[in-house]
Amino acid sequence: MKEQPNYYATLSADVRYDKRLKPNVKLLFAEINALCNMNAECFASNKYFADLYGKEKGTISGWISQLVKYQYIKIRYKYREGTREISHRYIKIINGGVLKISNTLCDKNQKSNTTSINTNTTYSNNKGRFKKPTIEEISNYCIERKNNIDAETFYDFYESKDWKIGKNKMKAWKACVRTWEKRNTNKPQGISKIHQHLQKNINVKEKLKQQFKQ
């Protein structure tokens, strides 16, 4: 019987609660995450994962494709010199759209991480990962807060800015909704004061006109 790995695998909350992913895909992510934390990148092949979980290589390939599709991992390939034949595949965990570990680390450390015996390691859990909301999610949150913010307008505004606030990537869209909410709350008062001021000036001018006519 093949000896099983004895390292800890961490499953981030983003992946754990993503209903688009099947349980086995989440388990594979945890395995990749552990291997990445050990040696900068995961070098394990589909055959390694297939043997580990008793699945076909095609099944593993499908699981990895899902993780790529939903932007939880990034893959790069190294080709044999002068050919398009793949010699190595490297997998990285993506954290909030930024690669978690520097690309240069892999070149410095070519140690294989498919060994069956590894030491225990503490891993991060991708707490800072931002997930773009849907219009429906924004709408539900605005309804919950009764702020009358138009969800499509909010979505289109930040979609056009690549979900950035200034030069920085957005971290919490609900906080942005609350900021819009405060602006909308203050806006009517400001407009009202402007109207009152204009109306006062108009009334003064009308009185002066009446005096000149007399």
Protein backbone atom coordinates (compact mmCIF):
# COMPACT_ATOMS: atom_id res chain seq x y z
CA MET A 1 0.00 0.00 0.00
CA LYS A 2 1.34 3.42 -0.98
CA GLU A 3 2.33 5.62 1.95
CA GLN A 4 0.18 8.76 2.22
CA PRO A 5 1.62 12.29 2.63
CA ASN A 6 1.73 13.49 6.25
CA TYR A 7 1.80 17.28 5.77
CA TYR A 8 -1.07 19.60 6.68
CA ALA A 9 -3.29 20.96 3.91
CA THR A 10 -5.17 24.24 4.33
CA LEU A 11 -8.46 25.00 2.55
CA SER A 12 -9.20 28.73 2.33
CA ALA A 13 -12.70 30.03 3.06
CA ASP A 14 -13.08 31.30 -0.52
CA VAL A 15 -12.70 27.81 -1.93
CA ARG A 16 -14.46 26.05 0.93
CA TYR A 17 -17.71 27.97 0.42
CA ASP A 18 -17.59 28.24 -3.39
CA LYS A 19 -20.72 26.32 -4.46
CA ARG A 20 -19.43 26.06 -8.03
CA LEU A 21 -16.74 23.61 -6.92
CA LYS A 22 -17.32 19.96 -6.09
CA PRO A 23 -15.87 18.58 -2.82
CA ASN A 24 -13.11 16.66 -4.62
CA VAL A 25 -12.01 19.82 -6.46
CA LYS A 26 -11.73 21.63 -3.11
CA LEU A 27 -9.69 18.73 -1.73
CA LEU A 28 -7.33 18.97 -4.71
CA PHE A 29 -6.94 22.71 -4.11
CA ALA A 30 -5.93 22.04 -0.50
CA GLU A 31 -3.33 19.52 -1.72
CA ILE A 32 -1.92 22.00 -4.26
CA ASN A 33 -1.90 24.75 -1.63
CA ALA A 34 0.14 22.57 0.72
CA LEU A 35 2.66 21.68 -1.99
CA CYS A 36 3.01 25.33 -3.03
CA ASN A 37 3.71 26.38 0.53
CA MET A 38 6.44 23.76 0.79
CA ASN A 39 8.41 24.51 -2.37
CA ALA A 40 7.19 27.81 -3.88
CA GLU A 41 5.24 26.07 -6.64
CA CYS A 42 3.47 22.75 -7.11
CA PHE A 43 5.33 20.52 -9.57
CA ALA A 44 3.10 17.46 -9.11
CA SER A 45 1.73 15.85 -12.28
CA ASN A 46 -1.82 14.72 -12.98
CA LYS A 47 -0.57 11.14 -12.61
CA TYR A 48 0.65 11.90 -9.08
CA PHE A 49 -2.76 13.27 -8.05
CA ALA A 50 -4.56 10.45 -9.88
CA ASP A 51 -2.56 7.82 -7.97
CA LEU A 52 -3.02 9.72 -4.71
CA TYR A 53 -6.81 9.88 -4.96
CA GLY A 54 -7.47 6.77 -7.04
CA LYS A 55 -8.85 8.72 -10.01
CA GLU A 56 -8.20 8.87 -13.75
CA LYS A 57 -5.77 11.49 -15.06
CA GLY A 58 -8.57 12.97 -17.17
CA THR A 59 -10.63 13.52 -14.02
CA ILE A 60 -7.74 15.34 -12.34
CA SER A 61 -7.29 17.47 -15.46
CA GLY A 62 -10.94 18.51 -15.24
CA TRP A 63 -10.61 19.46 -11.57
CA ILE A 64 -7.54 21.59 -12.29
CA SER A 65 -9.36 23.29 -15.19
CA GLN A 66 -12.12 24.35 -12.77
CA LEU A 67 -9.61 25.89 -10.36
CA VAL A 68 -8.03 27.79 -13.26
CA LYS A 69 -11.44 28.90 -14.56
CA TYR A 70 -12.47 30.39 -11.22
CA GLN A 71 -9.02 31.97 -10.75
CA TYR A 72 -7.85 30.04 -7.72
CA ILE A 73 -4.67 28.78 -9.39
CA LYS A 74 -2.36 29.82 -12.23
CA ILE A 75 -0.42 27.42 -14.43
CA ARG A 76 2.75 27.92 -16.44
CA TYR A 77 4.68 25.42 -18.54
CA LYS A 78 8.36 24.84 -19.26
CA TYR A 79 9.12 23.38 -22.70
CA ARG A 80 11.98 21.23 -23.90
CA GLU A 81 14.56 23.37 -25.66
CA GLY A 82 13.71 23.99 -29.30
CA THR A 83 10.34 22.22 -29.09
CA ARG A 84 6.75 22.75 -27.94
CA GLU A 85 6.91 19.61 -25.85
CA ILE A 86 6.09 20.28 -22.18
CA SER A 87 8.83 19.19 -19.79
CA HIS A 88 7.41 20.64 -16.55
CA ARG A 89 4.16 22.15 -15.29
CA TYR A 90 4.14 24.64 -12.43
CA ILE A 91 1.04 25.57 -10.42
CA LYS A 92 0.73 28.64 -8.19
CA ILE A 93 -2.03 29.72 -5.82
CA ILE A 94 -3.57 33.08 -6.72
CA ASN A 95 -4.42 35.46 -3.88
CA GLY A 96 -6.64 38.43 -4.77
CA GLY A 97 -5.39 38.48 -8.36
CA VAL A 98 -1.73 38.58 -7.23
CA LEU A 99 0.55 35.58 -7.33
CA LYS A 100 1.10 34.41 -3.79
CA ILE A 101 4.78 33.52 -4.24
CA SER A 102 7.41 35.19 -6.41
CA ASN A 103 7.97 33.66 -9.86
CA THR A 104 11.69 33.58 -9.21
CA LEU A 105 11.44 31.18 -6.29
CA CYS A 106 10.75 28.18 -8.50
CA ASP A 107 13.90 28.73 -10.55
CA LYS A 108 15.94 28.83 -7.33
CA ASN A 109 14.37 25.68 -5.96
CA GLN A 110 13.82 22.79 -8.40
CA LYS A 111 13.31 20.27 -5.61
CA SER A 112 10.45 17.89 -6.40
CA ASN A 113 7.52 18.17 -4.02
CA THR A 114 5.81 14.91 -4.98
CA THR A 115 7.58 12.95 -2.27
CA SER A 116 5.32 10.94 -0.01
CA ILE A 117 6.97 12.07 3.24
CA ASN A 118 7.14 15.75 4.21
CA THR A 119 7.51 17.79 7.38
CA ASN A 120 4.62 19.63 9.02
CA THR A 121 4.28 23.25 7.93
CA THR A 122 2.01 26.18 8.80
CA TYR A 123 0.20 27.67 5.81
CA SER A 124 -1.65 30.91 5.11
CA ASN A 125 -5.38 30.87 4.32
CA ASN A 126 -5.76 33.55 1.62
CA LYS A 127 -7.81 35.86 3.86
CA GLY A 128 -7.25 38.87 1.61
CA ARG A 129 -8.74 37.43 -1.55
CA PHE A 130 -11.33 39.70 -3.20
CA LYS A 131 -14.28 38.14 -5.00
CA LYS A 132 -16.18 40.33 -7.45
CA PRO A 133 -19.88 40.48 -6.51
CA THR A 134 -22.76 39.83 -8.87
CA ILE A 135 -25.45 42.43 -9.56
CA GLU A 136 -27.87 40.22 -7.65
CA GLU A 137 -25.61 40.17 -4.57
CA ILE A 138 -25.27 43.95 -4.67
CA SER A 139 -29.02 44.37 -5.12
CA ASN A 140 -29.81 42.07 -2.19
CA TYR A 141 -27.38 43.94 0.06
CA CYS A 142 -28.83 47.32 -0.95
CA ILE A 143 -32.37 46.06 -0.33
CA GLU A 144 -31.26 44.78 3.06
CA ARG A 145 -29.88 48.21 3.95
CA LYS A 146 -32.79 50.09 2.28
CA ASN A 147 -30.41 52.62 0.72
CA ASN A 148 -32.03 52.93 -2.76
CA ILE A 149 -28.66 52.47 -4.49
CA ASP A 150 -29.01 51.10 -8.04
CA ALA A 151 -27.10 47.80 -8.12
CA GLU A 152 -26.42 47.92 -11.88
CA THR A 153 -25.01 51.45 -11.67
CA PHE A 154 -22.73 50.42 -8.80
CA TYR A 155 -21.58 47.28 -10.67
CA ASP A 156 -20.97 49.09 -13.99
CA PHE A 157 -19.04 51.88 -12.26
CA TYR A 158 -16.52 49.57 -10.60
CA GLU A 159 -16.45 47.14 -13.52
CA SER A 160 -15.20 50.02 -15.70
CA LYS A 161 -12.48 50.66 -13.10
CA ASP A 162 -11.47 46.98 -12.90
CA TRP A 163 -12.79 46.96 -9.32
CA LYS A 164 -10.14 49.36 -8.12
CA ILE A 165 -10.35 52.31 -5.76
CA GLY A 166 -7.78 54.71 -7.06
CA LYS A 167 -4.77 52.55 -7.86
CA ASN A 168 -5.57 49.86 -5.29
CA LYS A 169 -7.63 46.72 -5.77
CA MET A 170 -10.94 46.78 -3.93
CA LYS A 171 -10.94 44.70 -0.74
CA ALA A 172 -14.57 44.92 0.43
CA TRP A 173 -17.38 45.85 -1.95
CA LYS A 174 -19.94 46.08 0.87
CA ALA A 175 -17.88 48.85 2.46
CA CYS A 176 -18.04 50.72 -0.87
CA VAL A 177 -21.82 50.32 -0.91
CA ARG A 178 -21.99 51.88 2.54
CA THR A 179 -19.82 54.77 1.34
CA TRP A 180 -22.22 55.38 -1.55
CA GLU A 181 -25.05 55.16 0.94
CA LYS A 182 -23.56 57.96 3.08
CA ARG A 183 -23.03 60.15 0.01
CA ASN A 184 -26.65 59.67 -1.07
CA THR A 185 -27.82 60.45 2.45
CA ASN A 186 -25.90 63.73 2.51
CA LYS A 187 -26.65 64.70 -1.07
CA PRO A 188 -30.30 65.81 -0.70
CA GLN A 189 -29.42 68.06 2.23
CA GLY A 190 -26.66 69.74 0.25
CA ILE A 191 -28.90 70.27 -2.77
CA SER A 192 -31.67 71.61 -0.55
CA LYS A 193 -29.36 74.24 0.95
CA ILE A 194 -28.24 75.33 -2.52
CA HIS A 195 -31.85 75.66 -3.67
CA GLN A 196 -32.74 77.65 -0.58
CA HIS A 197 -29.83 80.02 -1.18
CA LEU A 198 -30.77 80.54 -4.84
CA GLN A 199 -34.41 81.09 -3.98
CA LYS A 200 -33.46 83.70 -1.40
CA ASN A 201 -31.43 85.61 -4.02
CA ILE A 202 -34.33 85.44 -6.46
CA ASN A 203 -36.74 86.81 -3.86
CA VAL A 204 -34.38 89.73 -3.11
CA LYS A 205 -34.11 90.58 -6.81
CA GLU A 206 -37.89 90.46 -7.20
CA LYS A 207 -38.36 92.88 -4.31
CA LEU A 208 -35.81 95.30 -5.79
CA LYS A 209 -37.60 95.20 -9.15
CA GLN A 210 -40.92 95.97 -7.49
CA GLN A 211 -39.36 98.95 -5.63
CA PHE A 212 -37.93 100.42 -8.85
CA LYS A 213 -41.32 100.09 -10.59
CA GLN A 214 -42.98 102.01 -7.83
